[in-house]
Amino acid sequence: MDYSEPDSTAVTSAKIVIAGGFGVGKTTLVGSVSDIEPLRTEALVTDESSLVDDLSALPRKDTTTVAMDFGRINLAEDLVLYVFGTPGQNRFWFMWDDLVRGAIGAIILIDTRRLDDSFAAVDYFESKGLPFVVAINEFDGAARYPVTDIRQAMALPPEVPIIAIDARDRDSARGALITLSQYALASLPPLQPATG
């Protein structure tokens, strides 16, 4: 029998949502950062879906997330993040309310070649009052713009962090999670002293 002291390290967990338009790299980001084999709910893009979804900007995309992506990352011995990627097409957005329930914040992943696809996600998280950061997924060959130009184009308030990432790179994706975690913590209301 082991009578040693019990482990007093309490594990804290948090939920983060990765959102954005169709084909911006949400599934890639979840996969690159997850410590476990990510759960993916991808389906093949069919001729029928091409009648509903605009695939003109992504002619080589052959799969799409139809429910969510899920991954887990241990940021520290006592801090675990659960990462949920949302589906990007408008017809699946009815799931977003369930996916964001209990989240500390969201990363809105954007592609500067299709910036207009990100406005709905910004509006959604602003309306929910959920802290979010904007992560520019720097696709190969995509133009690079100053953060001030992107902030102005998206009408983002000055306190919302905007960062550039490569969703394929674990360290880059992990940095986005850390940035969001820090921003979400800073957004919490100050604790009120106990009265007695």
N, C-alpha and C. Protein backbone atom coordinates (compact mmCIF):
# COMPACT_ATOMS: atom_id res chain seq x y z
N MET A 1 0.83 -1.18 0.00
CA MET A 1 0.00 0.00 0.00
C MET A 1 0.87 1.24 0.00
N ASP A 2 0.46 2.23 -0.79
CA ASP A 2 1.24 3.47 -0.91
C ASP A 2 0.61 4.54 -0.03
N TYR A 3 1.34 4.96 1.02
CA TYR A 3 0.85 5.99 1.93
C TYR A 3 1.50 7.34 1.67
N SER A 4 2.06 7.52 0.49
CA SER A 4 2.71 8.79 0.16
C SER A 4 1.66 9.88 0.04
N GLU A 5 2.14 11.09 0.09
CA GLU A 5 1.25 12.25 -0.03
C GLU A 5 0.55 12.25 -1.38
N PRO A 6 -0.75 12.57 -1.42
CA PRO A 6 -1.43 12.65 -2.72
C PRO A 6 -0.90 13.82 -3.53
N ASP A 7 -0.99 13.70 -4.83
CA ASP A 7 -0.56 14.76 -5.73
C ASP A 7 -1.45 15.97 -5.53
N SER A 8 -0.87 17.08 -5.13
CA SER A 8 -1.67 18.29 -4.85
C SER A 8 -1.80 19.19 -6.07
N THR A 9 -1.25 18.77 -7.20
CA THR A 9 -1.33 19.58 -8.40
C THR A 9 -2.70 19.42 -9.03
N ALA A 10 -3.48 20.46 -8.99
CA ALA A 10 -4.80 20.43 -9.62
C ALA A 10 -4.64 20.82 -11.08
N VAL A 11 -5.31 20.08 -11.94
CA VAL A 11 -5.24 20.36 -13.36
C VAL A 11 -6.39 21.30 -13.73
N THR A 12 -6.05 22.36 -14.43
CA THR A 12 -7.05 23.31 -14.92
C THR A 12 -7.22 23.07 -16.41
N SER A 13 -8.45 23.06 -16.85
CA SER A 13 -8.69 22.88 -18.28
C SER A 13 -9.50 24.05 -18.80
N ALA A 14 -9.35 24.30 -20.08
CA ALA A 14 -10.08 25.38 -20.74
C ALA A 14 -10.41 24.94 -22.15
N LYS A 15 -11.49 25.52 -22.65
CA LYS A 15 -11.97 25.21 -24.01
C LYS A 15 -11.73 26.42 -24.89
N ILE A 16 -11.17 26.16 -26.08
CA ILE A 16 -10.93 27.20 -27.07
C ILE A 16 -11.56 26.77 -28.38
N VAL A 17 -12.14 27.72 -29.08
CA VAL A 17 -12.78 27.46 -30.36
C VAL A 17 -11.94 28.08 -31.48
N ILE A 18 -11.75 27.31 -32.55
CA ILE A 18 -11.08 27.81 -33.75
C ILE A 18 -12.17 27.99 -34.79
N ALA A 19 -12.37 29.22 -35.25
CA ALA A 19 -13.47 29.51 -36.18
C ALA A 19 -12.93 30.25 -37.39
N GLY A 20 -13.79 30.41 -38.36
CA GLY A 20 -13.43 31.14 -39.57
C GLY A 20 -14.16 30.58 -40.76
N GLY A 21 -13.91 31.16 -41.89
CA GLY A 21 -14.58 30.76 -43.12
C GLY A 21 -14.13 29.41 -43.64
N PHE A 22 -14.75 29.01 -44.71
CA PHE A 22 -14.49 27.73 -45.37
C PHE A 22 -13.06 27.71 -45.92
N GLY A 23 -12.30 26.68 -45.55
CA GLY A 23 -10.97 26.48 -46.12
C GLY A 23 -9.88 27.40 -45.63
N VAL A 24 -10.03 27.99 -44.43
CA VAL A 24 -8.98 28.90 -43.94
C VAL A 24 -7.88 28.20 -43.15
N GLY A 25 -8.07 26.89 -42.84
CA GLY A 25 -7.02 26.15 -42.15
C GLY A 25 -7.36 25.72 -40.74
N LYS A 26 -8.63 25.71 -40.37
CA LYS A 26 -9.03 25.34 -39.01
C LYS A 26 -8.65 23.89 -38.68
N THR A 27 -8.97 22.97 -39.58
CA THR A 27 -8.64 21.55 -39.36
C THR A 27 -7.13 21.37 -39.28
N THR A 28 -6.40 22.07 -40.11
CA THR A 28 -4.94 22.01 -40.10
C THR A 28 -4.39 22.50 -38.77
N LEU A 29 -4.90 23.62 -38.26
CA LEU A 29 -4.43 24.17 -36.99
C LEU A 29 -4.69 23.20 -35.85
N VAL A 30 -5.90 22.66 -35.77
CA VAL A 30 -6.21 21.70 -34.69
C VAL A 30 -5.27 20.51 -34.78
N GLY A 31 -5.04 20.00 -35.97
CA GLY A 31 -4.17 18.85 -36.14
C GLY A 31 -2.72 19.13 -35.80
N SER A 32 -2.25 20.32 -36.11
CA SER A 32 -0.83 20.62 -35.87
C SER A 32 -0.52 20.84 -34.40
N VAL A 33 -1.51 21.29 -33.63
CA VAL A 33 -1.25 21.64 -32.24
C VAL A 33 -1.64 20.54 -31.26
N SER A 34 -2.47 19.61 -31.66
CA SER A 34 -3.01 18.61 -30.74
C SER A 34 -1.97 17.60 -30.29
N ASP A 35 -1.98 17.29 -28.99
CA ASP A 35 -1.11 16.25 -28.44
C ASP A 35 -1.67 14.85 -28.67
N ILE A 36 -2.94 14.77 -29.02
CA ILE A 36 -3.58 13.49 -29.31
C ILE A 36 -3.94 13.45 -30.79
N GLU A 37 -4.26 12.29 -31.28
CA GLU A 37 -4.75 12.18 -32.66
C GLU A 37 -6.08 12.94 -32.71
N PRO A 38 -6.18 14.01 -33.50
CA PRO A 38 -7.40 14.82 -33.47
C PRO A 38 -8.60 14.06 -34.04
N LEU A 39 -9.75 14.36 -33.47
CA LEU A 39 -11.00 13.86 -34.01
C LEU A 39 -11.39 14.81 -35.14
N ARG A 40 -11.66 14.25 -36.30
CA ARG A 40 -12.06 15.07 -37.45
C ARG A 40 -13.38 14.52 -37.99
N THR A 41 -14.24 15.42 -38.39
CA THR A 41 -15.51 15.01 -39.00
C THR A 41 -15.56 15.55 -40.41
N GLU A 42 -14.62 15.10 -41.22
CA GLU A 42 -14.54 15.58 -42.59
C GLU A 42 -15.29 14.65 -43.53
N ALA A 43 -15.88 15.24 -44.54
CA ALA A 43 -16.56 14.49 -45.59
C ALA A 43 -16.05 14.99 -46.93
N LEU A 44 -16.17 14.16 -47.93
CA LEU A 44 -15.76 14.56 -49.26
C LEU A 44 -16.68 15.66 -49.80
N VAL A 45 -16.08 16.61 -50.48
CA VAL A 45 -16.86 17.62 -51.18
C VAL A 45 -17.46 16.93 -52.41
N THR A 46 -18.77 17.00 -52.54
CA THR A 46 -19.45 16.31 -53.64
C THR A 46 -19.97 17.31 -54.66
N ASP A 47 -20.43 16.79 -55.78
CA ASP A 47 -21.03 17.67 -56.79
C ASP A 47 -22.25 18.38 -56.22
N GLU A 48 -23.01 17.68 -55.34
CA GLU A 48 -24.19 18.30 -54.74
C GLU A 48 -23.81 19.48 -53.84
N SER A 49 -22.71 19.33 -53.07
CA SER A 49 -22.31 20.43 -52.20
C SER A 49 -21.80 21.62 -52.99
N SER A 50 -21.29 21.38 -54.19
CA SER A 50 -20.81 22.49 -55.01
C SER A 50 -21.98 23.38 -55.47
N LEU A 51 -23.20 22.84 -55.41
CA LEU A 51 -24.37 23.65 -55.73
C LEU A 51 -24.74 24.58 -54.57
N VAL A 52 -24.28 24.24 -53.35
CA VAL A 52 -24.60 25.01 -52.15
C VAL A 52 -23.42 25.88 -51.72
N ASP A 53 -22.22 25.32 -51.74
CA ASP A 53 -21.01 26.01 -51.28
C ASP A 53 -20.25 26.60 -52.45
N ASP A 54 -19.77 27.82 -52.26
CA ASP A 54 -18.95 28.46 -53.29
C ASP A 54 -17.52 27.93 -53.18
N LEU A 55 -17.13 27.10 -54.11
CA LEU A 55 -15.80 26.49 -54.11
C LEU A 55 -14.84 27.17 -55.07
N SER A 56 -15.25 28.27 -55.67
CA SER A 56 -14.43 28.90 -56.71
C SER A 56 -13.06 29.34 -56.21
N ALA A 57 -12.94 29.76 -54.96
CA ALA A 57 -11.65 30.20 -54.43
C ALA A 57 -10.78 29.02 -54.00
N LEU A 58 -11.37 27.84 -53.89
CA LEU A 58 -10.64 26.66 -53.42
C LEU A 58 -10.88 25.47 -54.34
N PRO A 59 -10.49 25.56 -55.59
CA PRO A 59 -10.83 24.51 -56.55
C PRO A 59 -10.22 23.14 -56.22
N ARG A 60 -9.14 23.09 -55.43
CA ARG A 60 -8.51 21.80 -55.12
C ARG A 60 -8.95 21.24 -53.77
N LYS A 61 -9.83 21.92 -53.07
CA LYS A 61 -10.30 21.43 -51.76
C LYS A 61 -11.26 20.28 -51.99
N ASP A 62 -10.95 19.12 -51.42
CA ASP A 62 -11.79 17.96 -51.67
C ASP A 62 -12.48 17.40 -50.43
N THR A 63 -12.21 17.98 -49.23
CA THR A 63 -12.91 17.59 -48.02
C THR A 63 -13.38 18.83 -47.28
N THR A 64 -14.35 18.63 -46.40
CA THR A 64 -14.87 19.73 -45.61
C THR A 64 -15.30 19.21 -44.24
N THR A 65 -15.16 20.04 -43.22
CA THR A 65 -15.60 19.68 -41.88
C THR A 65 -17.11 19.84 -41.81
N VAL A 66 -17.78 18.80 -41.34
CA VAL A 66 -19.25 18.84 -41.30
C VAL A 66 -19.80 18.92 -39.88
N ALA A 67 -18.98 18.79 -38.87
CA ALA A 67 -19.45 18.95 -37.50
C ALA A 67 -18.43 19.73 -36.69
N MET A 68 -17.25 19.14 -36.46
CA MET A 68 -16.21 19.82 -35.69
C MET A 68 -14.91 19.05 -35.82
N ASP A 69 -13.85 19.70 -35.40
CA ASP A 69 -12.56 19.06 -35.19
C ASP A 69 -12.31 19.17 -33.69
N PHE A 70 -11.60 18.21 -33.13
CA PHE A 70 -11.32 18.24 -31.69
C PHE A 70 -9.90 17.80 -31.44
N GLY A 71 -9.20 18.56 -30.59
CA GLY A 71 -7.85 18.20 -30.18
C GLY A 71 -7.62 18.62 -28.75
N ARG A 72 -6.51 18.18 -28.21
CA ARG A 72 -6.15 18.53 -26.83
C ARG A 72 -4.66 18.85 -26.79
N ILE A 73 -4.31 19.85 -26.00
CA ILE A 73 -2.90 20.22 -25.84
C ILE A 73 -2.63 20.52 -24.37
N ASN A 74 -1.50 20.02 -23.89
CA ASN A 74 -1.06 20.32 -22.53
C ASN A 74 -0.09 21.49 -22.62
N LEU A 75 -0.53 22.66 -22.17
CA LEU A 75 0.37 23.82 -22.21
C LEU A 75 1.35 23.81 -21.05
N ALA A 76 0.95 23.20 -19.96
CA ALA A 76 1.80 23.05 -18.79
C ALA A 76 1.34 21.79 -18.06
N GLU A 77 2.06 21.37 -17.05
CA GLU A 77 1.70 20.16 -16.31
C GLU A 77 0.29 20.27 -15.74
N ASP A 78 -0.12 21.49 -15.41
CA ASP A 78 -1.42 21.67 -14.78
C ASP A 78 -2.41 22.47 -15.63
N LEU A 79 -2.14 22.61 -16.94
CA LEU A 79 -3.04 23.35 -17.82
C LEU A 79 -3.27 22.60 -19.13
N VAL A 80 -4.52 22.21 -19.34
CA VAL A 80 -4.91 21.48 -20.55
C VAL A 80 -5.90 22.33 -21.33
N LEU A 81 -5.65 22.46 -22.62
CA LEU A 81 -6.60 23.17 -23.49
C LEU A 81 -7.28 22.16 -24.39
N TYR A 82 -8.61 22.26 -24.46
CA TYR A 82 -9.40 21.48 -25.39
C TYR A 82 -9.74 22.40 -26.56
N VAL A 83 -9.41 21.97 -27.75
CA VAL A 83 -9.51 22.81 -28.93
C VAL A 83 -10.59 22.24 -29.85
N PHE A 84 -11.57 23.08 -30.19
CA PHE A 84 -12.67 22.70 -31.06
C PHE A 84 -12.65 23.56 -32.31
N GLY A 85 -12.57 22.94 -33.47
CA GLY A 85 -12.63 23.65 -34.74
C GLY A 85 -14.05 23.60 -35.27
N THR A 86 -14.56 24.74 -35.69
CA THR A 86 -15.93 24.82 -36.22
C THR A 86 -15.96 24.50 -37.71
N PRO A 87 -17.12 24.09 -38.21
CA PRO A 87 -17.26 24.00 -39.67
C PRO A 87 -17.30 25.41 -40.25
N GLY A 88 -16.83 25.57 -41.47
CA GLY A 88 -16.72 26.90 -42.05
C GLY A 88 -17.88 27.35 -42.92
N GLN A 89 -18.61 26.40 -43.51
CA GLN A 89 -19.69 26.81 -44.41
C GLN A 89 -20.89 27.33 -43.62
N ASN A 90 -21.55 28.32 -44.20
CA ASN A 90 -22.70 28.93 -43.55
C ASN A 90 -23.76 27.91 -43.17
N ARG A 91 -23.98 26.89 -43.99
CA ARG A 91 -25.05 25.94 -43.72
C ARG A 91 -24.80 25.09 -42.48
N PHE A 92 -23.56 25.10 -41.93
CA PHE A 92 -23.26 24.35 -40.71
C PHE A 92 -23.13 25.26 -39.49
N TRP A 93 -23.36 26.55 -39.64
CA TRP A 93 -23.15 27.47 -38.53
C TRP A 93 -24.16 27.29 -37.40
N PHE A 94 -25.23 26.57 -37.64
CA PHE A 94 -26.18 26.35 -36.55
C PHE A 94 -25.51 25.58 -35.40
N MET A 95 -24.39 24.91 -35.65
CA MET A 95 -23.67 24.17 -34.61
C MET A 95 -22.79 25.05 -33.73
N TRP A 96 -22.52 26.26 -34.19
CA TRP A 96 -21.58 27.10 -33.46
C TRP A 96 -22.02 27.37 -32.03
N ASP A 97 -23.30 27.60 -31.80
CA ASP A 97 -23.77 27.89 -30.44
C ASP A 97 -23.39 26.77 -29.48
N ASP A 98 -23.53 25.52 -29.90
CA ASP A 98 -23.16 24.40 -29.05
C ASP A 98 -21.65 24.30 -28.88
N LEU A 99 -20.90 24.55 -29.95
CA LEU A 99 -19.44 24.43 -29.87
C LEU A 99 -18.81 25.50 -28.98
N VAL A 100 -19.39 26.68 -28.91
CA VAL A 100 -18.76 27.75 -28.12
C VAL A 100 -19.20 27.74 -26.66
N ARG A 101 -20.21 26.95 -26.33
CA ARG A 101 -20.67 26.91 -24.94
C ARG A 101 -19.53 26.48 -24.02
N GLY A 102 -19.22 27.31 -23.03
CA GLY A 102 -18.17 27.01 -22.07
C GLY A 102 -16.76 27.40 -22.51
N ALA A 103 -16.62 27.98 -23.69
CA ALA A 103 -15.29 28.36 -24.19
C ALA A 103 -14.81 29.64 -23.51
N ILE A 104 -13.50 29.72 -23.31
CA ILE A 104 -12.93 30.95 -22.75
C ILE A 104 -12.70 31.99 -23.84
N GLY A 105 -12.68 31.54 -25.10
CA GLY A 105 -12.46 32.46 -26.20
C GLY A 105 -12.32 31.73 -27.51
N ALA A 106 -12.06 32.50 -28.56
CA ALA A 106 -11.98 31.93 -29.90
C ALA A 106 -10.81 32.54 -30.67
N ILE A 107 -10.28 31.74 -31.57
CA ILE A 107 -9.32 32.21 -32.56
C ILE A 107 -10.07 32.25 -33.88
N ILE A 108 -10.16 33.43 -34.48
CA ILE A 108 -10.76 33.55 -35.80
C ILE A 108 -9.61 33.50 -36.80
N LEU A 109 -9.57 32.41 -37.53
CA LEU A 109 -8.52 32.20 -38.52
C LEU A 109 -8.97 32.82 -39.84
N ILE A 110 -8.09 33.62 -40.45
CA ILE A 110 -8.47 34.29 -41.69
C ILE A 110 -7.45 34.02 -42.79
N ASP A 111 -7.94 34.16 -44.01
CA ASP A 111 -7.12 34.09 -45.21
C ASP A 111 -7.27 35.45 -45.89
N THR A 112 -6.18 36.19 -46.01
CA THR A 112 -6.26 37.55 -46.55
C THR A 112 -6.73 37.59 -47.99
N ARG A 113 -6.66 36.46 -48.70
CA ARG A 113 -7.15 36.42 -50.08
C ARG A 113 -8.69 36.39 -50.12
N ARG A 114 -9.29 36.06 -48.99
CA ARG A 114 -10.76 35.98 -48.89
C ARG A 114 -11.20 36.60 -47.58
N LEU A 115 -10.80 37.82 -47.35
CA LEU A 115 -11.07 38.49 -46.07
C LEU A 115 -12.57 38.61 -45.78
N ASP A 116 -13.37 38.78 -46.83
CA ASP A 116 -14.81 38.95 -46.62
C ASP A 116 -15.45 37.71 -45.98
N ASP A 117 -14.79 36.54 -46.06
CA ASP A 117 -15.32 35.33 -45.43
C ASP A 117 -15.19 35.36 -43.91
N SER A 118 -14.48 36.32 -43.35
CA SER A 118 -14.25 36.35 -41.91
C SER A 118 -15.15 37.32 -41.15
N PHE A 119 -15.86 38.17 -41.85
CA PHE A 119 -16.69 39.17 -41.16
C PHE A 119 -17.79 38.54 -40.32
N ALA A 120 -18.41 37.48 -40.82
CA ALA A 120 -19.51 36.85 -40.08
C ALA A 120 -19.01 36.26 -38.76
N ALA A 121 -17.81 35.68 -38.76
CA ALA A 121 -17.26 35.12 -37.53
C ALA A 121 -16.97 36.22 -36.51
N VAL A 122 -16.43 37.34 -36.97
CA VAL A 122 -16.18 38.47 -36.07
C VAL A 122 -17.50 38.96 -35.47
N ASP A 123 -18.51 39.14 -36.31
CA ASP A 123 -19.82 39.57 -35.83
C ASP A 123 -20.38 38.59 -34.80
N TYR A 124 -20.23 37.30 -35.08
CA TYR A 124 -20.77 36.27 -34.18
C TYR A 124 -20.14 36.39 -32.79
N PHE A 125 -18.81 36.42 -32.71
CA PHE A 125 -18.16 36.45 -31.40
C PHE A 125 -18.33 37.78 -30.69
N GLU A 126 -18.41 38.87 -31.44
CA GLU A 126 -18.73 40.16 -30.81
C GLU A 126 -20.11 40.11 -30.18
N SER A 127 -21.09 39.52 -30.89
CA SER A 127 -22.45 39.46 -30.36
C SER A 127 -22.53 38.55 -29.13
N LYS A 128 -21.67 37.54 -29.03
CA LYS A 128 -21.64 36.64 -27.88
C LYS A 128 -20.85 37.23 -26.71
N GLY A 129 -20.08 38.29 -26.97
CA GLY A 129 -19.24 38.87 -25.91
C GLY A 129 -18.08 37.95 -25.53
N LEU A 130 -17.70 37.05 -26.43
CA LEU A 130 -16.62 36.10 -26.16
C LEU A 130 -15.31 36.68 -26.66
N PRO A 131 -14.27 36.70 -25.81
CA PRO A 131 -12.97 37.22 -26.28
C PRO A 131 -12.48 36.43 -27.49
N PHE A 132 -11.89 37.13 -28.45
CA PHE A 132 -11.33 36.46 -29.62
C PHE A 132 -10.09 37.19 -30.09
N VAL A 133 -9.24 36.44 -30.77
CA VAL A 133 -8.09 37.01 -31.46
C VAL A 133 -8.25 36.67 -32.93
N VAL A 134 -7.64 37.45 -33.77
CA VAL A 134 -7.64 37.19 -35.21
C VAL A 134 -6.26 36.69 -35.57
N ALA A 135 -6.22 35.51 -36.19
CA ALA A 135 -4.96 34.90 -36.61
C ALA A 135 -4.94 34.83 -38.14
N ILE A 136 -4.00 35.52 -38.72
CA ILE A 136 -3.84 35.53 -40.18
C ILE A 136 -3.05 34.28 -40.56
N ASN A 137 -3.70 33.35 -41.24
CA ASN A 137 -3.01 32.16 -41.71
C ASN A 137 -2.24 32.54 -42.97
N GLU A 138 -0.94 32.61 -42.87
CA GLU A 138 -0.11 33.10 -43.97
C GLU A 138 0.14 31.99 -44.99
N PHE A 139 -0.82 31.83 -45.90
CA PHE A 139 -0.70 30.83 -46.95
C PHE A 139 0.44 31.17 -47.88
N ASP A 140 1.09 30.15 -48.42
CA ASP A 140 2.16 30.35 -49.39
C ASP A 140 1.61 31.15 -50.58
N GLY A 141 2.30 32.19 -50.95
CA GLY A 141 1.91 32.99 -52.11
C GLY A 141 0.87 34.06 -51.84
N ALA A 142 0.30 34.09 -50.63
CA ALA A 142 -0.69 35.11 -50.31
C ALA A 142 0.02 36.42 -49.97
N ALA A 143 -0.60 37.52 -50.35
CA ALA A 143 -0.02 38.84 -50.04
C ALA A 143 0.00 39.07 -48.54
N ARG A 144 1.00 39.78 -48.08
CA ARG A 144 1.13 40.14 -46.66
C ARG A 144 0.72 41.59 -46.51
N TYR A 145 -0.08 41.87 -45.49
CA TYR A 145 -0.55 43.23 -45.24
C TYR A 145 -0.19 43.65 -43.83
N PRO A 146 0.03 44.93 -43.61
CA PRO A 146 0.29 45.40 -42.25
C PRO A 146 -0.94 45.14 -41.36
N VAL A 147 -0.68 44.85 -40.10
CA VAL A 147 -1.76 44.58 -39.15
C VAL A 147 -2.73 45.75 -39.08
N THR A 148 -2.21 46.97 -39.18
CA THR A 148 -3.10 48.14 -39.12
C THR A 148 -4.10 48.14 -40.27
N ASP A 149 -3.67 47.68 -41.45
CA ASP A 149 -4.59 47.61 -42.59
C ASP A 149 -5.67 46.56 -42.36
N ILE A 150 -5.28 45.42 -41.81
CA ILE A 150 -6.26 44.36 -41.54
C ILE A 150 -7.22 44.80 -40.46
N ARG A 151 -6.71 45.43 -39.41
CA ARG A 151 -7.58 45.93 -38.34
C ARG A 151 -8.61 46.91 -38.90
N GLN A 152 -8.17 47.80 -39.76
CA GLN A 152 -9.07 48.78 -40.36
C GLN A 152 -10.08 48.11 -41.29
N ALA A 153 -9.62 47.18 -42.12
CA ALA A 153 -10.52 46.50 -43.06
C ALA A 153 -11.59 45.70 -42.34
N MET A 154 -11.24 45.14 -41.17
CA MET A 154 -12.19 44.32 -40.42
C MET A 154 -12.91 45.11 -39.34
N ALA A 155 -12.60 46.40 -39.21
CA ALA A 155 -13.21 47.28 -38.21
C ALA A 155 -13.08 46.69 -36.80
N LEU A 156 -11.87 46.23 -36.48
CA LEU A 156 -11.62 45.63 -35.17
C LEU A 156 -11.19 46.68 -34.17
N PRO A 157 -11.67 46.58 -32.94
CA PRO A 157 -11.21 47.52 -31.91
C PRO A 157 -9.72 47.31 -31.61
N PRO A 158 -9.06 48.33 -31.09
CA PRO A 158 -7.61 48.26 -30.89
C PRO A 158 -7.16 47.19 -29.91
N GLU A 159 -8.02 46.78 -28.98
CA GLU A 159 -7.61 45.79 -27.98
C GLU A 159 -7.62 44.34 -28.50
N VAL A 160 -8.27 44.08 -29.63
CA VAL A 160 -8.31 42.71 -30.17
C VAL A 160 -6.96 42.38 -30.80
N PRO A 161 -6.29 41.35 -30.28
CA PRO A 161 -4.99 40.98 -30.85
C PRO A 161 -5.13 40.43 -32.28
N ILE A 162 -4.20 40.82 -33.13
CA ILE A 162 -4.10 40.27 -34.48
C ILE A 162 -2.68 39.72 -34.61
N ILE A 163 -2.60 38.44 -34.98
CA ILE A 163 -1.29 37.80 -35.09
C ILE A 163 -1.20 37.07 -36.43
N ALA A 164 0.00 36.89 -36.90
CA ALA A 164 0.24 36.11 -38.12
C ALA A 164 0.74 34.73 -37.69
N ILE A 165 0.17 33.68 -38.32
CA ILE A 165 0.59 32.33 -37.99
C ILE A 165 0.71 31.48 -39.25
N ASP A 166 1.31 30.33 -39.09
CA ASP A 166 1.29 29.28 -40.10
C ASP A 166 0.58 28.11 -39.43
N ALA A 167 -0.66 27.82 -39.81
CA ALA A 167 -1.47 26.80 -39.15
C ALA A 167 -0.84 25.41 -39.23
N ARG A 168 0.10 25.22 -40.15
CA ARG A 168 0.77 23.92 -40.29
C ARG A 168 1.87 23.72 -39.26
N ASP A 169 2.33 24.81 -38.67
CA ASP A 169 3.47 24.77 -37.76
C ASP A 169 3.01 24.72 -36.31
N ARG A 170 3.41 23.68 -35.59
CA ARG A 170 2.97 23.48 -34.21
C ARG A 170 3.29 24.67 -33.31
N ASP A 171 4.51 25.18 -33.38
CA ASP A 171 4.89 26.29 -32.50
C ASP A 171 4.08 27.55 -32.82
N SER A 172 3.85 27.79 -34.09
CA SER A 172 3.07 28.94 -34.50
C SER A 172 1.62 28.82 -34.02
N ALA A 173 1.02 27.65 -34.22
CA ALA A 173 -0.36 27.41 -33.77
C ALA A 173 -0.45 27.48 -32.25
N ARG A 174 0.54 26.93 -31.57
CA ARG A 174 0.57 26.98 -30.10
C ARG A 174 0.65 28.43 -29.62
N GLY A 175 1.42 29.25 -30.32
CA GLY A 175 1.51 30.66 -29.97
C GLY A 175 0.16 31.36 -30.07
N ALA A 176 -0.65 30.97 -31.04
CA ALA A 176 -1.99 31.56 -31.16
C ALA A 176 -2.85 31.18 -29.96
N LEU A 177 -2.75 29.92 -29.51
CA LEU A 177 -3.50 29.48 -28.34
C LEU A 177 -3.07 30.24 -27.08
N ILE A 178 -1.77 30.46 -26.95
CA ILE A 178 -1.26 31.19 -25.79
C ILE A 178 -1.73 32.64 -25.83
N THR A 179 -1.66 33.26 -27.02
CA THR A 179 -2.12 34.65 -27.16
C THR A 179 -3.58 34.77 -26.76
N LEU A 180 -4.41 33.85 -27.24
CA LEU A 180 -5.83 33.90 -26.87
C LEU A 180 -6.02 33.68 -25.38
N SER A 181 -5.32 32.71 -24.80
CA SER A 181 -5.46 32.44 -23.37
C SER A 181 -5.11 33.67 -22.54
N GLN A 182 -4.02 34.34 -22.89
CA GLN A 182 -3.61 35.55 -22.17
C GLN A 182 -4.64 36.66 -22.34
N TYR A 183 -5.15 36.82 -23.55
CA TYR A 183 -6.15 37.86 -23.82
C TYR A 183 -7.45 37.57 -23.08
N ALA A 184 -7.87 36.32 -23.07
CA ALA A 184 -9.10 35.94 -22.37
C ALA A 184 -8.97 36.19 -20.86
N LEU A 185 -7.80 35.84 -20.30
CA LEU A 185 -7.58 36.09 -18.87
C LEU A 185 -7.59 37.58 -18.56
N ALA A 186 -6.97 38.37 -19.42
CA ALA A 186 -6.93 39.82 -19.22
C ALA A 186 -8.31 40.44 -19.37
N SER A 187 -9.21 39.76 -20.09
CA SER A 187 -10.56 40.29 -20.33
C SER A 187 -11.52 40.01 -19.18
N LEU A 188 -11.10 39.13 -18.25
CA LEU A 188 -11.97 38.81 -17.12
C LEU A 188 -12.17 40.04 -16.24
N PRO A 189 -13.37 40.18 -15.67
CA PRO A 189 -13.56 41.30 -14.73
C PRO A 189 -12.72 41.08 -13.49
N PRO A 190 -12.27 42.17 -12.86
CA PRO A 190 -11.44 42.02 -11.66
C PRO A 190 -12.24 41.37 -10.53
N LEU A 191 -11.53 40.58 -9.73
CA LEU A 191 -12.17 39.94 -8.58
C LEU A 191 -12.52 40.99 -7.54
N GLN A 192 -13.67 40.83 -6.97
CA GLN A 192 -14.11 41.73 -5.91
C GLN A 192 -13.68 41.14 -4.56
N PRO A 193 -13.20 41.98 -3.65
CA PRO A 193 -12.80 41.45 -2.34
C PRO A 193 -14.02 40.90 -1.60
N ALA A 194 -13.78 39.84 -0.86
CA ALA A 194 -14.86 39.24 -0.07
C ALA A 194 -15.24 40.18 1.07
N THR A 195 -16.51 40.27 1.31
CA THR A 195 -16.99 41.10 2.41
C THR A 195 -17.46 40.18 3.52
N GLY A 196 -17.26 40.54 4.71
CA GLY A 196 -17.61 39.61 5.78
C GLY A 196 -18.09 40.28 6.93
